[in-house]
N, C-alpha and C. Protein backbone atom coordinates (compact mmCIF):
# COMPACT_ATOMS: atom_id res chain seq x y z
N UNK A 1 2.44 -56.22 -17.74
CA UNK A 1 2.26 -55.19 -18.71
C UNK A 1 1.07 -54.29 -18.33
N UNK A 2 -0.02 -54.93 -17.91
CA UNK A 2 -1.19 -54.16 -17.50
C UNK A 2 -0.88 -53.32 -16.27
N UNK A 3 -0.15 -53.90 -15.38
CA UNK A 3 0.18 -53.17 -14.15
C UNK A 3 1.06 -51.96 -14.47
N UNK A 4 1.99 -52.14 -15.42
CA UNK A 4 2.86 -51.03 -15.81
C UNK A 4 2.03 -49.93 -16.46
N UNK A 5 1.08 -50.31 -17.32
CA UNK A 5 0.20 -49.32 -17.96
C UNK A 5 -0.67 -48.61 -16.92
N UNK A 6 -1.17 -49.39 -15.96
CA UNK A 6 -2.00 -48.81 -14.89
C UNK A 6 -1.17 -47.86 -14.04
N UNK A 7 0.06 -48.24 -13.77
CA UNK A 7 0.94 -47.38 -12.98
C UNK A 7 1.25 -46.10 -13.76
N UNK A 8 1.52 -46.23 -15.05
CA UNK A 8 1.81 -45.07 -15.89
C UNK A 8 0.59 -44.15 -15.95
N UNK A 9 -0.60 -44.72 -16.10
CA UNK A 9 -1.82 -43.91 -16.15
C UNK A 9 -2.04 -43.21 -14.82
N UNK A 10 -1.80 -43.91 -13.72
CA UNK A 10 -1.94 -43.30 -12.40
C UNK A 10 -0.96 -42.17 -12.20
N UNK A 11 0.26 -42.37 -12.68
CA UNK A 11 1.29 -41.33 -12.57
C UNK A 11 0.88 -40.11 -13.40
N UNK A 12 0.38 -40.35 -14.60
CA UNK A 12 -0.05 -39.24 -15.45
C UNK A 12 -1.20 -38.47 -14.81
N UNK A 13 -2.13 -39.19 -14.21
CA UNK A 13 -3.25 -38.54 -13.52
C UNK A 13 -2.73 -37.69 -12.35
N UNK A 14 -1.78 -38.24 -11.61
CA UNK A 14 -1.22 -37.51 -10.47
C UNK A 14 -0.50 -36.25 -10.94
N UNK A 15 0.26 -36.37 -12.02
CA UNK A 15 0.98 -35.21 -12.56
C UNK A 15 -0.02 -34.16 -13.04
N UNK A 16 -1.08 -34.60 -13.71
CA UNK A 16 -2.11 -33.68 -14.19
C UNK A 16 -2.78 -32.95 -13.02
N UNK A 17 -3.11 -33.70 -11.96
CA UNK A 17 -3.73 -33.08 -10.79
C UNK A 17 -2.77 -32.09 -10.13
N UNK A 18 -1.50 -32.44 -10.10
CA UNK A 18 -0.49 -31.55 -9.51
C UNK A 18 -0.38 -30.26 -10.32
N UNK A 19 -0.40 -30.39 -11.66
CA UNK A 19 -0.33 -29.20 -12.52
C UNK A 19 -1.54 -28.31 -12.30
N UNK A 20 -2.72 -28.93 -12.19
CA UNK A 20 -3.93 -28.15 -11.96
C UNK A 20 -3.84 -27.41 -10.63
N UNK A 21 -3.34 -28.08 -9.61
CA UNK A 21 -3.17 -27.43 -8.30
C UNK A 21 -2.18 -26.28 -8.38
N UNK A 22 -1.10 -26.47 -9.14
CA UNK A 22 -0.10 -25.42 -9.28
C UNK A 22 -0.69 -24.20 -10.00
N UNK A 23 -1.44 -24.45 -11.06
CA UNK A 23 -2.04 -23.35 -11.82
C UNK A 23 -3.04 -22.61 -10.93
N UNK A 24 -3.83 -23.36 -10.18
CA UNK A 24 -4.80 -22.75 -9.28
C UNK A 24 -4.09 -21.91 -8.22
N UNK A 25 -3.02 -22.47 -7.67
CA UNK A 25 -2.24 -21.74 -6.67
C UNK A 25 -1.63 -20.48 -7.22
N UNK A 26 -1.09 -20.56 -8.45
CA UNK A 26 -0.49 -19.38 -9.07
C UNK A 26 -1.54 -18.32 -9.37
N UNK A 27 -2.70 -18.76 -9.82
CA UNK A 27 -3.78 -17.81 -10.10
C UNK A 27 -4.20 -17.09 -8.82
N UNK A 28 -4.34 -17.84 -7.75
CA UNK A 28 -4.70 -17.23 -6.47
C UNK A 28 -3.61 -16.28 -5.99
N UNK A 29 -2.38 -16.67 -6.17
CA UNK A 29 -1.26 -15.83 -5.75
C UNK A 29 -1.23 -14.53 -6.55
N UNK A 30 -1.49 -14.63 -7.86
CA UNK A 30 -1.53 -13.42 -8.69
C UNK A 30 -2.64 -12.48 -8.26
N UNK A 31 -3.80 -13.05 -7.93
CA UNK A 31 -4.90 -12.18 -7.50
C UNK A 31 -4.59 -11.54 -6.16
N UNK A 32 -3.95 -12.27 -5.27
CA UNK A 32 -3.53 -11.66 -4.00
C UNK A 32 -2.53 -10.55 -4.23
N UNK A 33 -1.60 -10.79 -5.14
CA UNK A 33 -0.60 -9.77 -5.45
C UNK A 33 -1.25 -8.52 -6.03
N UNK A 34 -2.23 -8.72 -6.92
CA UNK A 34 -2.95 -7.57 -7.48
C UNK A 34 -3.68 -6.79 -6.38
N UNK A 35 -4.32 -7.50 -5.46
CA UNK A 35 -5.02 -6.82 -4.37
C UNK A 35 -4.02 -6.06 -3.49
N UNK A 36 -2.88 -6.67 -3.23
CA UNK A 36 -1.86 -5.99 -2.42
C UNK A 36 -1.35 -4.74 -3.14
N UNK A 37 -1.12 -4.85 -4.44
CA UNK A 37 -0.67 -3.69 -5.21
C UNK A 37 -1.69 -2.56 -5.16
N UNK A 38 -2.97 -2.91 -5.28
CA UNK A 38 -4.02 -1.89 -5.21
C UNK A 38 -4.05 -1.24 -3.82
N UNK A 39 -3.89 -2.04 -2.78
CA UNK A 39 -3.88 -1.49 -1.42
C UNK A 39 -2.68 -0.59 -1.20
N UNK A 40 -1.53 -1.01 -1.71
CA UNK A 40 -0.32 -0.19 -1.56
C UNK A 40 -0.51 1.14 -2.29
N UNK A 41 -1.07 1.10 -3.48
CA UNK A 41 -1.30 2.34 -4.24
C UNK A 41 -2.27 3.25 -3.50
N UNK A 42 -3.35 2.67 -2.94
CA UNK A 42 -4.33 3.46 -2.19
C UNK A 42 -3.68 4.08 -0.95
N UNK A 43 -2.88 3.28 -0.24
CA UNK A 43 -2.23 3.79 0.96
C UNK A 43 -1.20 4.86 0.62
N UNK A 44 -0.50 4.70 -0.49
CA UNK A 44 0.46 5.71 -0.92
C UNK A 44 -0.25 7.03 -1.22
N UNK A 45 -1.41 6.94 -1.86
CA UNK A 45 -2.20 8.14 -2.15
C UNK A 45 -2.66 8.81 -0.87
N UNK A 46 -3.16 8.01 0.06
CA UNK A 46 -3.60 8.56 1.35
C UNK A 46 -2.44 9.18 2.11
N UNK A 47 -1.28 8.53 2.07
CA UNK A 47 -0.11 9.07 2.76
C UNK A 47 0.31 10.40 2.15
N UNK A 48 0.30 10.46 0.81
CA UNK A 48 0.68 11.71 0.14
C UNK A 48 -0.28 12.83 0.53
N UNK A 49 -1.57 12.52 0.59
CA UNK A 49 -2.56 13.53 0.98
C UNK A 49 -2.33 13.97 2.42
N UNK A 50 -2.00 13.04 3.30
CA UNK A 50 -1.74 13.39 4.70
C UNK A 50 -0.49 14.26 4.82
N UNK A 51 0.54 13.93 4.06
CA UNK A 51 1.77 14.73 4.09
C UNK A 51 1.49 16.14 3.57
N UNK A 52 0.74 16.23 2.47
CA UNK A 52 0.40 17.56 1.92
C UNK A 52 -0.41 18.38 2.93
N UNK A 53 -1.37 17.72 3.59
CA UNK A 53 -2.18 18.42 4.59
C UNK A 53 -1.31 18.88 5.76
N UNK A 54 -0.37 18.05 6.16
CA UNK A 54 0.54 18.41 7.25
C UNK A 54 1.40 19.60 6.87
N UNK A 55 1.89 19.61 5.63
CA UNK A 55 2.69 20.75 5.17
C UNK A 55 1.85 22.03 5.14
N UNK A 56 0.61 21.91 4.71
CA UNK A 56 -0.27 23.08 4.67
C UNK A 56 -0.53 23.60 6.08
N UNK A 57 -0.77 22.70 7.02
CA UNK A 57 -1.00 23.12 8.40
C UNK A 57 0.26 23.75 9.00
N UNK A 58 1.41 23.19 8.68
CA UNK A 58 2.66 23.75 9.19
C UNK A 58 2.87 25.16 8.64
N UNK A 59 2.54 25.36 7.37
CA UNK A 59 2.69 26.69 6.76
C UNK A 59 1.74 27.69 7.42
N UNK A 60 0.48 27.26 7.66
CA UNK A 60 -0.47 28.14 8.33
C UNK A 60 -0.01 28.44 9.75
N UNK A 61 0.52 27.47 10.44
CA UNK A 61 1.02 27.67 11.80
C UNK A 61 2.16 28.68 11.79
N UNK A 62 3.04 28.55 10.83
CA UNK A 62 4.17 29.47 10.74
C UNK A 62 3.68 30.90 10.47
N UNK A 63 2.69 31.04 9.61
CA UNK A 63 2.13 32.37 9.33
C UNK A 63 1.50 32.97 10.58
N UNK A 64 0.71 32.17 11.28
CA UNK A 64 0.07 32.67 12.49
C UNK A 64 1.11 33.03 13.55
N UNK A 65 2.13 32.24 13.64
CA UNK A 65 3.19 32.53 14.61
C UNK A 65 3.86 33.85 14.27
N UNK A 66 4.16 34.06 13.00
CA UNK A 66 4.79 35.32 12.58
C UNK A 66 3.87 36.50 12.86
N UNK A 67 2.57 36.32 12.63
CA UNK A 67 1.62 37.40 12.91
C UNK A 67 1.58 37.71 14.40
N UNK A 68 1.59 36.68 15.23
CA UNK A 68 1.59 36.91 16.68
C UNK A 68 2.84 37.61 17.14
N UNK A 69 3.97 37.22 16.60
CA UNK A 69 5.23 37.86 16.97
C UNK A 69 5.18 39.34 16.59
N UNK A 70 4.66 39.64 15.40
CA UNK A 70 4.54 41.04 14.97
C UNK A 70 3.63 41.84 15.91
N UNK A 71 2.50 41.25 16.27
CA UNK A 71 1.57 41.95 17.17
C UNK A 71 2.20 42.17 18.53
N UNK A 72 2.91 41.19 19.03
CA UNK A 72 3.57 41.33 20.33
C UNK A 72 4.62 42.43 20.27
N UNK A 73 5.37 42.47 19.18
CA UNK A 73 6.38 43.51 19.03
C UNK A 73 5.73 44.89 18.94
N UNK A 74 4.62 44.99 18.24
CA UNK A 74 3.91 46.27 18.14
C UNK A 74 3.39 46.70 19.51
N UNK A 75 2.87 45.76 20.27
CA UNK A 75 2.38 46.08 21.62
C UNK A 75 3.53 46.49 22.53
N UNK A 76 4.66 45.80 22.39
CA UNK A 76 5.83 46.18 23.19
C UNK A 76 6.27 47.59 22.87
N UNK A 77 6.22 47.96 21.61
CA UNK A 77 6.62 49.31 21.22
C UNK A 77 5.65 50.34 21.81
N UNK A 78 4.37 50.03 21.80
CA UNK A 78 3.38 50.95 22.36
C UNK A 78 3.54 51.10 23.85
N UNK A 79 3.85 49.98 24.52
CA UNK A 79 3.95 50.03 25.98
C UNK A 79 5.22 50.77 26.40
N UNK A 80 6.28 50.57 25.71
CA UNK A 80 7.53 51.23 26.11
C UNK A 80 7.75 52.40 25.28
């Protein structure tokens, strides 16, 4: 009878320790997930800013190209 009670108590202790480990693991996993979410949000913001900057540069490049083409055409008209 004592051995059965001791075994039951040992089993309960083991189950309790396992639950504590699971809760600790889940808490750590949640914090990692939160950090990953924050990093993803930061990277998405940086990517959006890079894309916007690229679009702005492309627009400026297109304007400068059009201006150069106009100047070349004007010079061609003057030369011929």
